[in-house]
Amino acid sequence: MKIQGVGHVVLKVRDLERAAKFYRDVLGLKEVARFADRMVFFSAGTNHHDIAVLKVEPDAPGPSREAVGLYHVAFKIGNSLEELRAARAHLEAHGVPILGISDHQVSQSIYFEDLDGNGLELFVDADPAVWQTNPAAVATVRPLSL
């Protein structure tokens, strides 16, 4: 067996419509399907779906950074710092708090959460030669000023 890639991610949310609006209207993902009143599926455009949200109870506990589980989901938005700056401005215009901005040498990233506390990252890739010649560069975390 050989894994060929990551197919999709499903995140649990308390309010399906609120989450659908966030992923569709703020992050710009295309809503492609729904399953009853339980799930909404989204695509970035190249796969049948890249992410889905699954409705849980309104009083379900949120994710915890200190608990075992998923830390964040990362979405590639381009290859330039200009695109990352524009993404930051877009998130801020929609009232999304920015939790961190980092230079990972192989990519540059903005970290934030969805409305249920699920960790998200928007990133732009650096030149692939960076990690092809130095695979350990992926472990770099430096502050980035945008």
C-alpha atoms as a PDB file:
ATOM      1  CA  MET A   1       0.000   0.000   0.000  1.00  0.00           C
ATOM      2  CA  LYS A   2       1.130   3.554  -0.754  1.00  0.00           C
ATOM      3  CA  ILE A   3      -0.771   6.660   0.275  1.00  0.00           C
ATOM      4  CA  GLN A   4      -1.002   8.984  -2.725  1.00  0.00           C
ATOM      5  CA  GLY A   5      -2.257  12.109  -1.014  1.00  0.00           C
ATOM      6  CA  VAL A   6      -4.746  13.563   1.429  1.00  0.00           C
ATOM      7  CA  GLY A   7      -8.278  13.311   0.096  1.00  0.00           C
ATOM      8  CA  HIS A   8     -10.322  15.539   2.379  1.00  0.00           C
ATOM      9  CA  VAL A   9     -10.901  16.665   5.948  1.00  0.00           C
ATOM     10  CA  VAL A  10     -14.174  16.642   7.905  1.00  0.00           C
ATOM     11  CA  LEU A  11     -14.528  19.123  10.764  1.00  0.00           C
ATOM     12  CA  LYS A  12     -17.198  19.045  13.466  1.00  0.00           C
ATOM     13  CA  VAL A  13     -19.247  22.227  13.913  1.00  0.00           C
ATOM     14  CA  ARG A  14     -22.097  23.257  16.184  1.00  0.00           C
ATOM     15  CA  ASP A  15     -24.094  25.355  13.698  1.00  0.00           C
ATOM     16  CA  LEU A  16     -24.124  23.957  10.171  1.00  0.00           C
ATOM     17  CA  GLU A  17     -25.445  27.080   8.422  1.00  0.00           C
ATOM     18  CA  ARG A  18     -23.062  29.411  10.242  1.00  0.00           C
ATOM     19  CA  ALA A  19     -20.136  27.145   9.327  1.00  0.00           C
ATOM     20  CA  ALA A  20     -21.307  26.844   5.712  1.00  0.00           C
ATOM     21  CA  LYS A  21     -21.437  30.619   5.418  1.00  0.00           C
ATOM     22  CA  PHE A  22     -17.902  30.943   6.863  1.00  0.00           C
ATOM     23  CA  TYR A  23     -16.295  28.347   4.582  1.00  0.00           C
ATOM     24  CA  ARG A  24     -18.237  29.526   1.521  1.00  0.00           C
ATOM     25  CA  ASP A  25     -18.414  33.299   1.967  1.00  0.00           C
ATOM     26  CA  VAL A  26     -15.272  34.081   3.979  1.00  0.00           C
ATOM     27  CA  LEU A  27     -12.859  31.396   2.748  1.00  0.00           C
ATOM     28  CA  GLY A  28     -14.303  31.260  -0.772  1.00  0.00           C
ATOM     29  CA  LEU A  29     -14.751  27.496  -1.043  1.00  0.00           C
ATOM     30  CA  LYS A  30     -17.448  26.235  -3.394  1.00  0.00           C
ATOM     31  CA  GLU A  31     -20.321  24.419  -1.729  1.00  0.00           C
ATOM     32  CA  VAL A  32     -20.791  21.243  -3.771  1.00  0.00           C
ATOM     33  CA  ALA A  33     -23.211  19.065  -1.801  1.00  0.00           C
ATOM     34  CA  ARG A  34     -25.201  18.531   1.359  1.00  0.00           C
ATOM     35  CA  PHE A  35     -26.116  15.389   3.246  1.00  0.00           C
ATOM     36  CA  ALA A  36     -29.462  15.873   4.942  1.00  0.00           C
ATOM     37  CA  ASP A  37     -29.162  18.485   7.688  1.00  0.00           C
ATOM     38  CA  ARG A  38     -25.879  16.971   8.917  1.00  0.00           C
ATOM     39  CA  MET A  39     -23.073  17.783   6.468  1.00  0.00           C
ATOM     40  CA  VAL A  40     -21.951  20.334   3.889  1.00  0.00           C
ATOM     41  CA  PHE A  41     -19.171  19.531   1.399  1.00  0.00           C
ATOM     42  CA  PHE A  42     -16.827  22.126  -0.149  1.00  0.00           C
ATOM     43  CA  SER A  43     -14.297  22.126  -2.972  1.00  0.00           C
ATOM     44  CA  ALA A  44     -11.395  24.425  -3.770  1.00  0.00           C
ATOM     45  CA  GLY A  45     -11.993  23.549  -7.417  1.00  0.00           C
ATOM     46  CA  THR A  46      -9.757  20.615  -8.306  1.00  0.00           C
ATOM     47  CA  ASN A  47     -11.339  17.793  -6.253  1.00  0.00           C
ATOM     48  CA  HIS A  48     -14.916  16.622  -5.796  1.00  0.00           C
ATOM     49  CA  HIS A  49     -14.525  17.890  -2.224  1.00  0.00           C
ATOM     50  CA  ASP A  50     -11.625  19.014  -0.076  1.00  0.00           C
ATOM     51  CA  ILE A  51     -13.351  19.691   3.209  1.00  0.00           C
ATOM     52  CA  ALA A  52     -16.701  19.009   4.816  1.00  0.00           C
ATOM     53  CA  VAL A  53     -18.369  20.165   7.991  1.00  0.00           C
ATOM     54  CA  LEU A  54     -20.385  17.802  10.180  1.00  0.00           C
ATOM     55  CA  LYS A  55     -23.049  19.090  12.554  1.00  0.00           C
ATOM     56  CA  VAL A  56     -22.741  18.099  16.209  1.00  0.00           C
ATOM     57  CA  GLU A  57     -24.814  19.198  19.200  1.00  0.00           C
ATOM     58  CA  PRO A  58     -24.913  22.952  19.933  1.00  0.00           C
ATOM     59  CA  ASP A  59     -23.439  22.386  23.390  1.00  0.00           C
ATOM     60  CA  ALA A  60     -20.628  20.087  22.195  1.00  0.00           C
ATOM     61  CA  PRO A  61     -17.244  21.055  23.669  1.00  0.00           C
ATOM     62  CA  GLY A  62     -14.878  22.835  21.319  1.00  0.00           C
ATOM     63  CA  PRO A  63     -11.430  21.654  20.290  1.00  0.00           C
ATOM     64  CA  SER A  64      -8.617  22.225  22.744  1.00  0.00           C
ATOM     65  CA  ARG A  65      -5.036  23.070  21.796  1.00  0.00           C
ATOM     66  CA  GLU A  66      -3.893  20.982  24.778  1.00  0.00           C
ATOM     67  CA  ALA A  67      -5.875  17.842  23.874  1.00  0.00           C
ATOM     68  CA  VAL A  68      -4.899  15.066  21.499  1.00  0.00           C
ATOM     69  CA  GLY A  69      -6.407  15.592  18.038  1.00  0.00           C
ATOM     70  CA  LEU A  70      -6.207  17.721  14.944  1.00  0.00           C
ATOM     71  CA  TYR A  71      -4.127  20.910  15.305  1.00  0.00           C
ATOM     72  CA  HIS A  72      -5.072  22.693  12.079  1.00  0.00           C
ATOM     73  CA  VAL A  73      -5.988  22.315   8.408  1.00  0.00           C
ATOM     74  CA  ALA A  74      -3.875  24.249   5.876  1.00  0.00           C
ATOM     75  CA  PHE A  75      -5.124  25.735   2.606  1.00  0.00           C
ATOM     76  CA  LYS A  76      -2.695  26.827  -0.108  1.00  0.00           C
ATOM     77  CA  ILE A  77      -3.649  30.224  -1.514  1.00  0.00           C
ATOM     78  CA  GLY A  78      -0.722  30.936  -3.840  1.00  0.00           C
ATOM     79  CA  ASN A  79       3.003  31.466  -4.069  1.00  0.00           C
ATOM     80  CA  SER A  80       3.595  35.106  -3.137  1.00  0.00           C
ATOM     81  CA  LEU A  81       3.644  37.269  -0.033  1.00  0.00           C
ATOM     82  CA  GLU A  82       1.311  39.679  -1.838  1.00  0.00           C
ATOM     83  CA  GLU A  83      -1.325  36.926  -1.899  1.00  0.00           C
ATOM     84  CA  LEU A  84      -0.764  36.278   1.806  1.00  0.00           C
ATOM     85  CA  ARG A  85      -1.080  40.004   2.586  1.00  0.00           C
ATOM     86  CA  ALA A  86      -4.340  40.131   0.632  1.00  0.00           C
ATOM     87  CA  ALA A  87      -5.621  37.081   2.532  1.00  0.00           C
ATOM     88  CA  ARG A  88      -4.795  38.734   5.848  1.00  0.00           C
ATOM     89  CA  ALA A  89      -6.673  41.876   4.836  1.00  0.00           C
ATOM     90  CA  HIS A  90      -9.628  39.745   3.683  1.00  0.00           C
ATOM     91  CA  LEU A  91      -9.789  37.833   6.976  1.00  0.00           C
ATOM     92  CA  GLU A  92      -9.499  41.025   9.010  1.00  0.00           C
ATOM     93  CA  ALA A  93     -12.241  42.668   6.914  1.00  0.00           C
ATOM     94  CA  HIS A  94     -14.495  39.754   7.892  1.00  0.00           C
ATOM     95  CA  GLY A  95     -13.622  40.120  11.577  1.00  0.00           C
ATOM     96  CA  VAL A  96     -11.546  36.941  11.762  1.00  0.00           C
ATOM     97  CA  PRO A  97      -8.894  37.220  14.503  1.00  0.00           C
ATOM     98  CA  ILE A  98      -5.368  36.370  13.318  1.00  0.00           C
ATOM     99  CA  LEU A  99      -3.640  34.071  15.819  1.00  0.00           C
ATOM    100  CA  GLY A 100      -0.214  33.992  14.205  1.00  0.00           C
ATOM    101  CA  ILE A 101       1.862  34.728  11.119  1.00  0.00           C
ATOM    102  CA  SER A 102       4.935  32.595  10.456  1.00  0.00           C
ATOM    103  CA  ASP A 103       7.771  32.070   8.022  1.00  0.00           C
ATOM    104  CA  HIS A 104       8.429  28.341   7.727  1.00  0.00           C
ATOM    105  CA  GLN A 105      11.117  28.793   5.062  1.00  0.00           C
ATOM    106  CA  VAL A 106       9.282  26.315   2.797  1.00  0.00           C
ATOM    107  CA  SER A 107       6.076  28.374   3.142  1.00  0.00           C
ATOM    108  CA  GLN A 108       4.656  31.457   4.835  1.00  0.00           C
ATOM    109  CA  SER A 109       1.448  31.177   6.840  1.00  0.00           C
ATOM    110  CA  ILE A 110      -1.428  32.891   8.608  1.00  0.00           C
ATOM    111  CA  TYR A 111      -3.123  31.022  11.463  1.00  0.00           C
ATOM    112  CA  PHE A 112      -6.697  31.532  12.667  1.00  0.00           C
ATOM    113  CA  GLU A 113      -9.754  29.538  13.735  1.00  0.00           C
ATOM    114  CA  ASP A 114     -13.186  28.943  12.311  1.00  0.00           C
ATOM    115  CA  LEU A 115     -16.241  29.887  14.360  1.00  0.00           C
ATOM    116  CA  ASP A 116     -16.087  26.602  16.311  1.00  0.00           C
ATOM    117  CA  GLY A 117     -12.406  26.874  17.219  1.00  0.00           C
ATOM    118  CA  ASN A 118     -11.066  24.512  14.539  1.00  0.00           C
ATOM    119  CA  GLY A 119      -7.506  25.570  13.686  1.00  0.00           C
ATOM    120  CA  LEU A 120      -6.954  26.800  10.124  1.00  0.00           C
ATOM    121  CA  GLU A 121      -3.948  28.008   8.143  1.00  0.00           C
ATOM    122  CA  LEU A 122      -3.671  29.896   4.867  1.00  0.00           C
ATOM    123  CA  PHE A 123      -0.249  29.564   3.259  1.00  0.00           C
ATOM    124  CA  VAL A 124       1.827  30.467   0.238  1.00  0.00           C
ATOM    125  CA  ASP A 125       4.604  28.192  -0.943  1.00  0.00           C
ATOM    126  CA  ALA A 126       8.228  29.187  -1.314  1.00  0.00           C
ATOM    127  CA  ASP A 127      10.368  27.901  -4.169  1.00  0.00           C
ATOM    128  CA  PRO A 128      10.241  24.057  -4.055  1.00  0.00           C
ATOM    129  CA  ALA A 129      14.040  24.031  -4.339  1.00  0.00           C
ATOM    130  CA  VAL A 130      14.134  25.147  -0.685  1.00  0.00           C
ATOM    131  CA  TRP A 131      12.764  21.864   0.663  1.00  0.00           C
ATOM    132  CA  GLN A 132      14.109  19.716  -2.166  1.00  0.00           C
ATOM    133  CA  THR A 133      17.679  20.708  -1.277  1.00  0.00           C
ATOM    134  CA  ASN A 134      17.060  20.950   2.478  1.00  0.00           C
ATOM    135  CA  PRO A 135      14.172  18.713   3.640  1.00  0.00           C
ATOM    136  CA  ALA A 136      14.733  19.784   7.269  1.00  0.00           C
ATOM    137  CA  ALA A 137      13.732  23.346   6.314  1.00  0.00           C
ATOM    138  CA  VAL A 138      10.105  22.286   6.858  1.00  0.00           C
ATOM    139  CA  ALA A 139      10.739  22.480  10.629  1.00  0.00           C
ATOM    140  CA  THR A 140      11.538  26.217  10.495  1.00  0.00           C
ATOM    141  CA  VAL A 141       9.294  28.589  12.442  1.00  0.00           C
ATOM    142  CA  ARG A 142      10.200  32.282  12.372  1.00  0.00           C
ATOM    143  CA  PRO A 143       8.107  35.412  12.887  1.00  0.00           C
ATOM    144  CA  LEU A 144       6.858  37.031   9.695  1.00  0.00           C
ATOM    145  CA  SER A 145       5.824  40.645   9.308  1.00  0.00           C
ATOM    146  CA  LEU A 146       3.204  41.266   6.630  1.00  0.00           C
END
